[in-house]
N, C-alpha and C. Protein backbone atom coordinates (compact mmCIF):
# COMPACT_ATOMS: atom_id res chain seq x y z
N MET A 1 18.41 6.37 -18.08
CA MET A 1 17.76 6.71 -16.84
C MET A 1 16.32 6.23 -16.80
N LYS A 2 15.73 5.98 -17.96
CA LYS A 2 14.32 5.62 -18.01
C LYS A 2 14.02 4.34 -17.23
N ASP A 3 14.91 3.37 -17.24
CA ASP A 3 14.65 2.09 -16.59
C ASP A 3 15.32 1.97 -15.23
N LEU A 4 15.68 3.09 -14.62
CA LEU A 4 16.27 3.06 -13.29
C LEU A 4 15.17 3.31 -12.26
N TYR A 5 15.16 2.47 -11.24
CA TYR A 5 14.18 2.61 -10.16
C TYR A 5 14.95 2.70 -8.86
N TYR A 6 14.53 3.60 -7.99
CA TYR A 6 15.26 3.85 -6.75
C TYR A 6 14.43 3.42 -5.53
N LYS A 7 15.17 3.01 -4.51
CA LYS A 7 14.54 2.62 -3.26
C LYS A 7 13.95 3.86 -2.60
N ILE A 8 12.73 3.73 -2.09
CA ILE A 8 12.15 4.82 -1.31
C ILE A 8 11.99 4.36 0.13
N PRO A 9 12.13 5.23 1.08
CA PRO A 9 12.38 6.66 0.92
C PRO A 9 13.81 6.92 0.44
N ILE A 10 13.98 8.02 -0.25
CA ILE A 10 15.28 8.38 -0.79
C ILE A 10 16.19 8.83 0.35
N ASN A 11 17.40 8.34 0.33
CA ASN A 11 18.40 8.68 1.34
C ASN A 11 19.17 9.91 0.84
N TYR A 12 18.73 11.10 1.24
CA TYR A 12 19.34 12.33 0.75
C TYR A 12 20.76 12.53 1.27
N LYS A 13 21.08 11.91 2.38
CA LYS A 13 22.44 12.01 2.90
C LYS A 13 23.43 11.40 1.91
N ARG A 14 23.04 10.29 1.29
CA ARG A 14 23.91 9.66 0.28
C ARG A 14 24.16 10.61 -0.89
N ILE A 15 23.14 11.34 -1.29
CA ILE A 15 23.29 12.29 -2.40
C ILE A 15 24.29 13.38 -2.02
N THR A 16 24.12 13.94 -0.82
CA THR A 16 25.00 15.03 -0.41
C THR A 16 26.44 14.57 -0.20
N GLU A 17 26.61 13.26 0.05
CA GLU A 17 27.95 12.71 0.20
C GLU A 17 28.53 12.21 -1.12
N GLY A 18 27.77 12.41 -2.22
CA GLY A 18 28.25 12.01 -3.53
C GLY A 18 28.15 10.52 -3.81
N GLN A 19 27.37 9.80 -3.02
CA GLN A 19 27.20 8.36 -3.22
C GLN A 19 25.98 8.09 -4.09
N ASP A 20 25.97 6.92 -4.71
CA ASP A 20 24.82 6.52 -5.52
C ASP A 20 23.65 6.13 -4.64
N LEU A 21 22.46 6.37 -5.16
CA LEU A 21 21.26 5.92 -4.47
C LEU A 21 21.07 4.43 -4.74
N ARG A 22 20.43 3.74 -3.80
CA ARG A 22 20.17 2.32 -3.97
C ARG A 22 19.11 2.12 -5.05
N LYS A 23 19.43 1.27 -6.00
CA LYS A 23 18.51 0.97 -7.08
C LYS A 23 17.75 -0.31 -6.77
N VAL A 24 16.52 -0.42 -7.31
CA VAL A 24 15.69 -1.60 -7.11
C VAL A 24 15.18 -2.08 -8.46
N THR A 25 14.66 -3.29 -8.48
CA THR A 25 14.08 -3.84 -9.71
C THR A 25 12.72 -3.19 -9.98
N LEU A 26 12.21 -3.41 -11.16
CA LEU A 26 10.88 -2.92 -11.51
C LEU A 26 9.84 -3.46 -10.54
N GLU A 27 9.93 -4.74 -10.20
CA GLU A 27 8.96 -5.37 -9.30
C GLU A 27 9.02 -4.75 -7.90
N GLU A 28 10.24 -4.48 -7.41
CA GLU A 28 10.38 -3.83 -6.11
C GLU A 28 9.84 -2.40 -6.15
N SER A 29 10.08 -1.73 -7.25
CA SER A 29 9.58 -0.37 -7.41
C SER A 29 8.05 -0.35 -7.43
N LEU A 30 7.45 -1.31 -8.11
CA LEU A 30 5.99 -1.42 -8.12
C LEU A 30 5.46 -1.63 -6.70
N ALA A 31 6.09 -2.53 -5.96
CA ALA A 31 5.66 -2.82 -4.58
C ALA A 31 5.77 -1.57 -3.71
N GLN A 32 6.87 -0.84 -3.84
CA GLN A 32 7.06 0.38 -3.06
C GLN A 32 5.96 1.40 -3.35
N TYR A 33 5.66 1.57 -4.63
CA TYR A 33 4.70 2.60 -5.00
C TYR A 33 3.27 2.20 -4.63
N ILE A 34 2.93 0.93 -4.81
CA ILE A 34 1.60 0.47 -4.42
C ILE A 34 1.42 0.65 -2.91
N SER A 35 2.45 0.30 -2.14
CA SER A 35 2.40 0.50 -0.69
C SER A 35 2.23 1.98 -0.35
N LEU A 36 2.91 2.83 -1.07
CA LEU A 36 2.80 4.27 -0.84
C LEU A 36 1.37 4.75 -1.10
N VAL A 37 0.77 4.29 -2.18
CA VAL A 37 -0.61 4.68 -2.50
C VAL A 37 -1.55 4.20 -1.38
N ILE A 38 -1.38 2.94 -0.97
CA ILE A 38 -2.27 2.36 0.04
C ILE A 38 -2.15 3.08 1.38
N THR A 39 -0.95 3.46 1.77
CA THR A 39 -0.74 4.00 3.12
C THR A 39 -0.84 5.52 3.22
N THR A 40 -1.13 6.20 2.12
CA THR A 40 -1.23 7.66 2.14
C THR A 40 -2.66 8.10 2.47
N ILE A 41 -2.77 9.08 3.34
CA ILE A 41 -4.06 9.66 3.72
C ILE A 41 -4.49 10.64 2.64
N PHE A 42 -5.79 10.67 2.31
CA PHE A 42 -6.28 11.69 1.38
C PHE A 42 -5.89 13.07 1.90
N GLY A 43 -5.33 13.89 1.02
CA GLY A 43 -4.94 15.24 1.39
C GLY A 43 -3.51 15.35 1.91
N GLU A 44 -2.87 14.23 2.16
CA GLU A 44 -1.49 14.26 2.68
C GLU A 44 -0.52 14.79 1.62
N TYR A 45 -0.76 14.41 0.37
CA TYR A 45 0.06 14.89 -0.74
C TYR A 45 -0.61 16.15 -1.27
N ARG A 46 -0.07 17.30 -0.96
CA ARG A 46 -0.76 18.55 -1.21
C ARG A 46 -0.98 18.88 -2.68
N TYR A 47 -0.21 18.27 -3.59
CA TYR A 47 -0.36 18.56 -5.01
C TYR A 47 -1.47 17.73 -5.65
N ASP A 48 -1.94 16.70 -4.95
CA ASP A 48 -3.06 15.89 -5.43
C ASP A 48 -3.76 15.31 -4.21
N THR A 49 -4.80 15.99 -3.76
CA THR A 49 -5.48 15.60 -2.52
C THR A 49 -6.24 14.28 -2.65
N GLU A 50 -6.39 13.77 -3.87
CA GLU A 50 -7.06 12.48 -4.08
C GLU A 50 -6.09 11.30 -4.01
N PHE A 51 -4.79 11.56 -3.92
CA PHE A 51 -3.80 10.50 -3.82
C PHE A 51 -3.96 9.82 -2.46
N GLY A 52 -4.04 8.49 -2.47
CA GLY A 52 -4.22 7.73 -1.24
C GLY A 52 -5.42 6.81 -1.36
N THR A 53 -5.76 6.14 -0.26
CA THR A 53 -6.91 5.23 -0.24
C THR A 53 -7.81 5.51 0.96
N ALA A 54 -8.98 4.87 0.96
CA ALA A 54 -9.98 5.06 2.01
C ALA A 54 -9.68 4.28 3.27
N ILE A 55 -8.55 3.59 3.34
CA ILE A 55 -8.23 2.83 4.55
C ILE A 55 -8.23 3.73 5.77
N TRP A 56 -7.68 4.91 5.63
CA TRP A 56 -7.62 5.82 6.78
C TRP A 56 -9.00 6.27 7.21
N ASP A 57 -9.93 6.40 6.28
CA ASP A 57 -11.29 6.78 6.63
C ASP A 57 -11.96 5.70 7.48
N ALA A 58 -11.55 4.45 7.27
CA ALA A 58 -12.15 3.32 7.98
C ALA A 58 -11.34 2.89 9.18
N ASP A 59 -10.23 3.56 9.46
CA ASP A 59 -9.28 3.09 10.46
C ASP A 59 -9.91 2.81 11.83
N PHE A 60 -10.67 3.74 12.35
CA PHE A 60 -11.26 3.52 13.67
C PHE A 60 -12.76 3.22 13.58
N ASN A 61 -13.25 2.98 12.39
CA ASN A 61 -14.65 2.68 12.18
C ASN A 61 -14.86 1.16 12.19
N LEU A 62 -14.43 0.51 13.24
CA LEU A 62 -14.44 -0.95 13.30
C LEU A 62 -15.79 -1.52 13.67
N LEU A 63 -16.72 -0.68 14.08
CA LEU A 63 -18.03 -1.18 14.48
C LEU A 63 -19.01 -1.26 13.31
N SER A 64 -18.62 -0.72 12.18
CA SER A 64 -19.51 -0.76 11.02
C SER A 64 -19.54 -2.17 10.44
N ASN A 65 -20.43 -2.39 9.53
CA ASN A 65 -20.58 -3.68 8.88
C ASN A 65 -19.26 -4.08 8.21
N VAL A 66 -18.75 -5.26 8.55
CA VAL A 66 -17.45 -5.72 8.05
C VAL A 66 -17.46 -5.83 6.53
N ASN A 67 -18.55 -6.31 5.96
CA ASN A 67 -18.61 -6.47 4.50
C ASN A 67 -18.61 -5.12 3.79
N GLN A 68 -19.30 -4.14 4.36
CA GLN A 68 -19.29 -2.80 3.77
C GLN A 68 -17.89 -2.18 3.87
N LEU A 69 -17.26 -2.36 5.02
CA LEU A 69 -15.91 -1.86 5.22
C LEU A 69 -14.95 -2.49 4.22
N LYS A 70 -15.05 -3.80 4.08
CA LYS A 70 -14.19 -4.55 3.15
C LYS A 70 -14.40 -4.07 1.71
N ASP A 71 -15.66 -3.93 1.30
CA ASP A 71 -15.96 -3.48 -0.07
C ASP A 71 -15.45 -2.07 -0.33
N LYS A 72 -15.61 -1.19 0.64
CA LYS A 72 -15.16 0.20 0.49
C LYS A 72 -13.64 0.26 0.31
N ILE A 73 -12.91 -0.47 1.15
CA ILE A 73 -11.46 -0.46 1.07
C ILE A 73 -10.98 -1.12 -0.22
N LYS A 74 -11.57 -2.24 -0.58
CA LYS A 74 -11.19 -2.97 -1.80
C LYS A 74 -11.40 -2.09 -3.04
N GLU A 75 -12.54 -1.44 -3.12
CA GLU A 75 -12.83 -0.56 -4.25
C GLU A 75 -11.86 0.61 -4.30
N SER A 76 -11.57 1.19 -3.14
CA SER A 76 -10.64 2.31 -3.08
C SER A 76 -9.24 1.90 -3.52
N VAL A 77 -8.75 0.77 -3.03
CA VAL A 77 -7.42 0.30 -3.42
C VAL A 77 -7.38 0.04 -4.92
N PHE A 78 -8.39 -0.64 -5.46
CA PHE A 78 -8.43 -0.94 -6.89
C PHE A 78 -8.39 0.35 -7.71
N GLU A 79 -9.28 1.28 -7.40
CA GLU A 79 -9.39 2.52 -8.19
C GLU A 79 -8.13 3.39 -8.08
N LYS A 80 -7.58 3.52 -6.89
CA LYS A 80 -6.44 4.42 -6.71
C LYS A 80 -5.15 3.83 -7.26
N VAL A 81 -4.93 2.53 -7.09
CA VAL A 81 -3.73 1.93 -7.67
C VAL A 81 -3.84 1.96 -9.19
N LYS A 82 -5.02 1.69 -9.72
CA LYS A 82 -5.24 1.75 -11.17
C LYS A 82 -4.97 3.17 -11.70
N LYS A 83 -5.39 4.16 -10.97
CA LYS A 83 -5.21 5.55 -11.40
C LYS A 83 -3.75 6.00 -11.34
N TYR A 84 -3.03 5.61 -10.28
CA TYR A 84 -1.70 6.17 -10.06
C TYR A 84 -0.53 5.29 -10.48
N GLU A 85 -0.72 3.99 -10.59
CA GLU A 85 0.39 3.12 -11.00
C GLU A 85 0.24 2.81 -12.48
N LYS A 86 0.91 3.60 -13.31
CA LYS A 86 0.76 3.51 -14.77
C LYS A 86 1.62 2.43 -15.39
N ARG A 87 2.52 1.81 -14.64
CA ARG A 87 3.42 0.81 -15.21
C ARG A 87 2.79 -0.58 -15.27
N MET A 88 1.59 -0.72 -14.74
CA MET A 88 0.93 -2.02 -14.80
C MET A 88 -0.57 -1.84 -15.00
N THR A 89 -1.19 -2.88 -15.54
CA THR A 89 -2.62 -2.92 -15.69
C THR A 89 -3.17 -3.71 -14.50
N ILE A 90 -4.00 -3.08 -13.71
CA ILE A 90 -4.57 -3.73 -12.53
C ILE A 90 -5.74 -4.60 -12.98
N THR A 91 -5.72 -5.87 -12.58
CA THR A 91 -6.80 -6.78 -12.97
C THR A 91 -7.74 -7.11 -11.83
N ASP A 92 -7.23 -7.09 -10.58
CA ASP A 92 -8.09 -7.45 -9.45
C ASP A 92 -7.41 -7.04 -8.15
N VAL A 93 -8.22 -6.91 -7.12
CA VAL A 93 -7.73 -6.70 -5.76
C VAL A 93 -8.51 -7.64 -4.87
N SER A 94 -7.79 -8.37 -4.03
CA SER A 94 -8.49 -9.18 -3.03
C SER A 94 -8.15 -8.63 -1.66
N LEU A 95 -9.11 -8.72 -0.77
CA LEU A 95 -8.93 -8.18 0.56
C LEU A 95 -9.60 -9.11 1.56
N ALA A 96 -8.86 -9.50 2.56
CA ALA A 96 -9.41 -10.31 3.64
C ALA A 96 -9.21 -9.57 4.95
N ILE A 97 -10.19 -9.68 5.83
CA ILE A 97 -10.09 -9.07 7.15
C ILE A 97 -9.98 -10.18 8.17
N GLY A 98 -8.94 -10.12 8.99
CA GLY A 98 -8.73 -11.12 10.03
C GLY A 98 -8.40 -10.44 11.34
N GLU A 99 -8.07 -11.23 12.32
CA GLU A 99 -7.68 -10.70 13.63
C GLU A 99 -6.42 -11.39 14.10
N ASP A 100 -5.58 -10.63 14.76
CA ASP A 100 -4.37 -11.17 15.37
C ASP A 100 -4.37 -10.80 16.85
N THR A 101 -3.86 -11.70 17.66
CA THR A 101 -3.67 -11.42 19.08
C THR A 101 -2.23 -10.99 19.27
N ILE A 102 -2.06 -9.81 19.82
CA ILE A 102 -0.73 -9.25 20.00
C ILE A 102 -0.49 -9.04 21.48
N GLU A 103 0.64 -9.53 21.96
CA GLU A 103 0.96 -9.40 23.37
C GLU A 103 1.89 -8.21 23.59
N TYR A 104 1.46 -7.31 24.44
CA TYR A 104 2.28 -6.21 24.94
C TYR A 104 2.36 -6.44 26.44
N ASN A 105 3.50 -6.90 26.90
CA ASN A 105 3.60 -7.24 28.33
C ASN A 105 3.08 -6.13 29.20
N PRO A 106 2.21 -6.35 30.09
CA PRO A 106 1.49 -7.58 30.44
C PRO A 106 0.14 -7.69 29.76
N ASN A 107 -0.13 -6.83 28.76
CA ASN A 107 -1.46 -6.79 28.14
C ASN A 107 -1.52 -7.59 26.85
N ILE A 108 -2.72 -7.98 26.49
CA ILE A 108 -2.96 -8.66 25.22
C ILE A 108 -4.01 -7.85 24.47
N ARG A 109 -3.74 -7.59 23.17
CA ARG A 109 -4.69 -6.84 22.34
C ARG A 109 -5.06 -7.66 21.12
N ILE A 110 -6.29 -7.52 20.69
CA ILE A 110 -6.73 -8.14 19.45
C ILE A 110 -6.87 -7.02 18.43
N LYS A 111 -6.16 -7.17 17.30
CA LYS A 111 -6.17 -6.13 16.26
C LYS A 111 -6.74 -6.69 14.97
N LYS A 112 -7.51 -5.85 14.27
CA LYS A 112 -8.00 -6.23 12.94
C LYS A 112 -6.86 -6.11 11.96
N ARG A 113 -6.77 -7.12 11.06
CA ARG A 113 -5.70 -7.17 10.07
C ARG A 113 -6.32 -7.18 8.68
N LEU A 114 -5.77 -6.34 7.81
CA LEU A 114 -6.16 -6.34 6.40
C LEU A 114 -5.09 -7.05 5.60
N ASP A 115 -5.46 -8.07 4.87
CA ASP A 115 -4.54 -8.74 3.95
C ASP A 115 -4.95 -8.30 2.55
N ILE A 116 -4.09 -7.53 1.90
CA ILE A 116 -4.41 -6.96 0.59
C ILE A 116 -3.51 -7.57 -0.47
N VAL A 117 -4.13 -8.01 -1.57
CA VAL A 117 -3.37 -8.50 -2.72
C VAL A 117 -3.85 -7.73 -3.95
N VAL A 118 -2.91 -7.10 -4.65
CA VAL A 118 -3.21 -6.38 -5.89
C VAL A 118 -2.64 -7.21 -7.04
N TYR A 119 -3.50 -7.60 -7.98
CA TYR A 119 -3.08 -8.40 -9.12
C TYR A 119 -3.06 -7.53 -10.37
N GLY A 120 -2.10 -7.83 -11.26
CA GLY A 120 -2.04 -7.08 -12.50
C GLY A 120 -1.03 -7.66 -13.45
N VAL A 121 -0.81 -6.92 -14.52
CA VAL A 121 0.16 -7.31 -15.56
C VAL A 121 1.08 -6.12 -15.78
N ILE A 122 2.39 -6.39 -15.73
CA ILE A 122 3.38 -5.34 -15.98
C ILE A 122 3.34 -5.00 -17.47
N LYS A 123 3.09 -3.76 -17.80
CA LYS A 123 2.94 -3.34 -19.20
C LYS A 123 4.22 -3.55 -20.00
N LYS A 124 5.36 -3.26 -19.42
CA LYS A 124 6.63 -3.33 -20.13
C LYS A 124 6.99 -4.76 -20.55
N THR A 125 6.68 -5.73 -19.69
CA THR A 125 7.10 -7.11 -19.94
C THR A 125 5.93 -8.05 -20.23
N ASN A 126 4.71 -7.58 -20.01
CA ASN A 126 3.50 -8.38 -20.17
C ASN A 126 3.49 -9.60 -19.23
N GLU A 127 4.19 -9.49 -18.11
CA GLU A 127 4.23 -10.58 -17.13
C GLU A 127 3.23 -10.32 -16.01
N PRO A 128 2.63 -11.38 -15.48
CA PRO A 128 1.73 -11.19 -14.34
C PRO A 128 2.53 -10.74 -13.11
N TYR A 129 1.87 -9.97 -12.28
CA TYR A 129 2.52 -9.44 -11.08
C TYR A 129 1.47 -9.34 -9.98
N TYR A 130 1.89 -9.60 -8.75
CA TYR A 130 0.99 -9.32 -7.64
C TYR A 130 1.76 -8.72 -6.48
N TYR A 131 1.09 -7.85 -5.77
CA TYR A 131 1.62 -7.22 -4.57
C TYR A 131 0.78 -7.72 -3.41
N LYS A 132 1.43 -8.19 -2.36
CA LYS A 132 0.70 -8.70 -1.20
C LYS A 132 1.30 -8.11 0.05
N SER A 133 0.43 -7.60 0.93
CA SER A 133 0.90 -7.05 2.19
C SER A 133 -0.24 -7.08 3.21
N SER A 134 0.13 -6.96 4.47
CA SER A 134 -0.85 -6.94 5.55
C SER A 134 -0.69 -5.67 6.36
N TYR A 135 -1.81 -5.14 6.83
CA TYR A 135 -1.83 -3.91 7.61
C TYR A 135 -2.77 -4.12 8.79
N TYR A 136 -2.49 -3.45 9.89
CA TYR A 136 -3.38 -3.47 11.05
C TYR A 136 -4.19 -2.19 11.08
N LEU A 137 -5.42 -2.30 11.55
CA LEU A 137 -6.28 -1.15 11.75
C LEU A 137 -6.35 -0.79 13.22
N ALA A 138 -6.62 0.48 13.48
CA ALA A 138 -6.91 1.03 14.81
C ALA A 138 -5.77 0.83 15.79
N PRO A 139 -4.69 1.51 15.69
CA PRO A 139 -4.34 2.44 14.63
C PRO A 139 -3.71 1.72 13.44
N PHE A 140 -3.81 2.37 12.28
CA PHE A 140 -3.29 1.81 11.04
C PHE A 140 -1.79 1.64 11.13
N SER A 141 -1.29 0.44 10.79
CA SER A 141 0.14 0.17 10.83
C SER A 141 0.46 -1.04 9.98
N PHE A 142 1.74 -1.26 9.70
CA PHE A 142 2.20 -2.41 8.93
C PHE A 142 2.23 -3.63 9.83
N LYS A 143 2.04 -4.79 9.23
CA LYS A 143 2.18 -6.02 9.97
C LYS A 143 3.65 -6.37 10.08
């Protein structure tokens, strides 16, 4: 059981029906958990109010200095993934802020986009690993 990783969110209906849960690779499990850390609001997980990142604190603070915003989020992602993801050694986090034009008929909106890459080494295999994903701010959402 030690090397079994399950897809999240867990499908409890499958359990109650006596079916197996969907299993994922170590790399997929790392990606799921890193995404969970990044997208969790401080205080959302009641057993550890520090679980999560500062992205939510900056979500609607788009008028502040972009470099300060970028540094705050980058530092938060690095520190929190390093603290909570014990299966890998985090070596770096890169973060870019961009804009996308999104059409909602008949309106057009410009949204800030965060491109986050977490670099590290998987402890079990000593292989390099990176997680890459994009998120929109105001309101916070997945790309």
